Amino acid sequence: MPNDVSVIGITDIQLAHQVHPALTTVAIQTAAIAELSIESLIRLIQTPHQQPSMVLAPPPTLVVRASTGPRRLK
């Protein structure tokens, strides 16, 4: 049954809110994550013998739309 399935996407592309039903998604800040990744890569190239450091990306955001429904208890 269609009402028994919830669908969720990731990255919150523009199409997510244009389709029917609108797609619930986990929005991630792709530009910020790309920038952090590039900075980390440059550091690794410039100091190849240094241990890589952990980089924390911005937290994702849940964007609830029509493609998910409430949890049903059996």
Protein backbone atom coordinates (compact mmCIF):
# COMPACT_ATOMS: atom_id res chain seq x y z
CA MET A 1 0.00 0.00 0.00
CA PRO A 2 1.38 3.44 -0.90
CA ASN A 3 0.49 4.86 2.50
CA ASP A 4 2.69 2.23 4.17
CA VAL A 5 5.91 3.60 2.65
CA SER A 6 7.86 6.75 3.49
CA VAL A 7 10.60 8.03 1.21
CA ILE A 8 13.42 10.38 2.15
CA GLY A 9 16.22 11.89 0.10
CA ILE A 10 19.47 13.67 0.84
CA THR A 11 20.96 17.07 -0.12
CA ASP A 12 17.59 18.86 -0.55
CA ILE A 13 17.92 19.51 -4.27
CA GLN A 14 15.44 21.97 -5.79
CA LEU A 15 13.43 19.16 -7.37
CA ALA A 16 12.67 17.72 -3.90
CA HIS A 17 9.95 20.29 -3.23
CA GLN A 18 8.66 20.34 -6.82
CA VAL A 19 7.72 16.65 -7.18
CA HIS A 20 4.43 15.22 -5.94
CA PRO A 21 4.42 14.28 -3.17
CA ALA A 22 7.15 16.70 -2.10
CA LEU A 23 10.21 14.74 -0.95
CA THR A 24 11.26 14.81 2.70
CA THR A 25 15.02 15.22 2.73
CA VAL A 26 18.10 15.64 4.85
CA ALA A 27 19.58 18.98 3.82
CA ILE A 28 23.34 19.16 3.95
CA GLN A 29 25.44 22.22 3.27
CA THR A 30 27.26 20.83 0.24
CA ALA A 31 29.20 24.04 -0.47
CA ALA A 32 30.47 24.25 3.13
CA ILE A 33 31.40 20.56 3.15
CA ALA A 34 33.20 20.92 -0.20
CA GLU A 35 35.14 23.92 1.12
CA LEU A 36 36.19 22.02 4.26
CA SER A 37 37.22 19.03 2.14
CA ILE A 38 39.36 21.15 -0.17
CA GLU A 39 41.03 22.94 2.77
CA SER A 40 41.76 19.57 4.37
CA LEU A 41 43.20 18.20 1.12
CA ILE A 42 45.44 21.26 0.69
CA ARG A 43 46.74 20.83 4.26
CA LEU A 44 47.51 17.16 3.53
CA ILE A 45 49.37 18.06 0.34
CA GLN A 46 51.37 20.82 2.05
CA THR A 47 52.28 18.69 5.08
CA PRO A 48 52.26 15.07 3.85
CA HIS A 49 53.94 13.64 6.95
CA GLN A 50 51.54 15.26 9.40
CA GLN A 51 48.68 13.19 10.77
CA PRO A 52 45.34 14.32 9.25
CA SER A 53 43.07 16.14 11.64
CA MET A 54 39.37 15.55 12.07
CA VAL A 55 37.12 18.13 10.46
CA LEU A 56 33.57 18.61 11.66
CA ALA A 57 31.06 19.42 8.96
CA PRO A 58 28.00 21.59 9.56
CA PRO A 59 25.11 19.54 10.98
CA PRO A 60 22.40 18.35 8.57
CA THR A 61 18.82 19.58 8.79
CA LEU A 62 15.71 17.43 8.37
CA VAL A 63 13.24 19.04 5.94
CA VAL A 64 9.91 17.26 6.42
CA ARG A 65 7.58 17.27 3.43
CA ALA A 66 4.76 15.10 2.15
CA SER A 67 6.73 11.93 1.28
CA THR A 68 6.83 10.74 4.90
CA GLY A 69 4.06 9.97 7.30
CA PRO A 70 3.76 9.39 11.00
CA ARG A 71 5.13 6.19 12.45
CA ARG A 72 2.46 3.54 12.77
CA LEU A 73 2.41 1.29 15.79
CA LYS A 74 1.30 -2.27 15.18
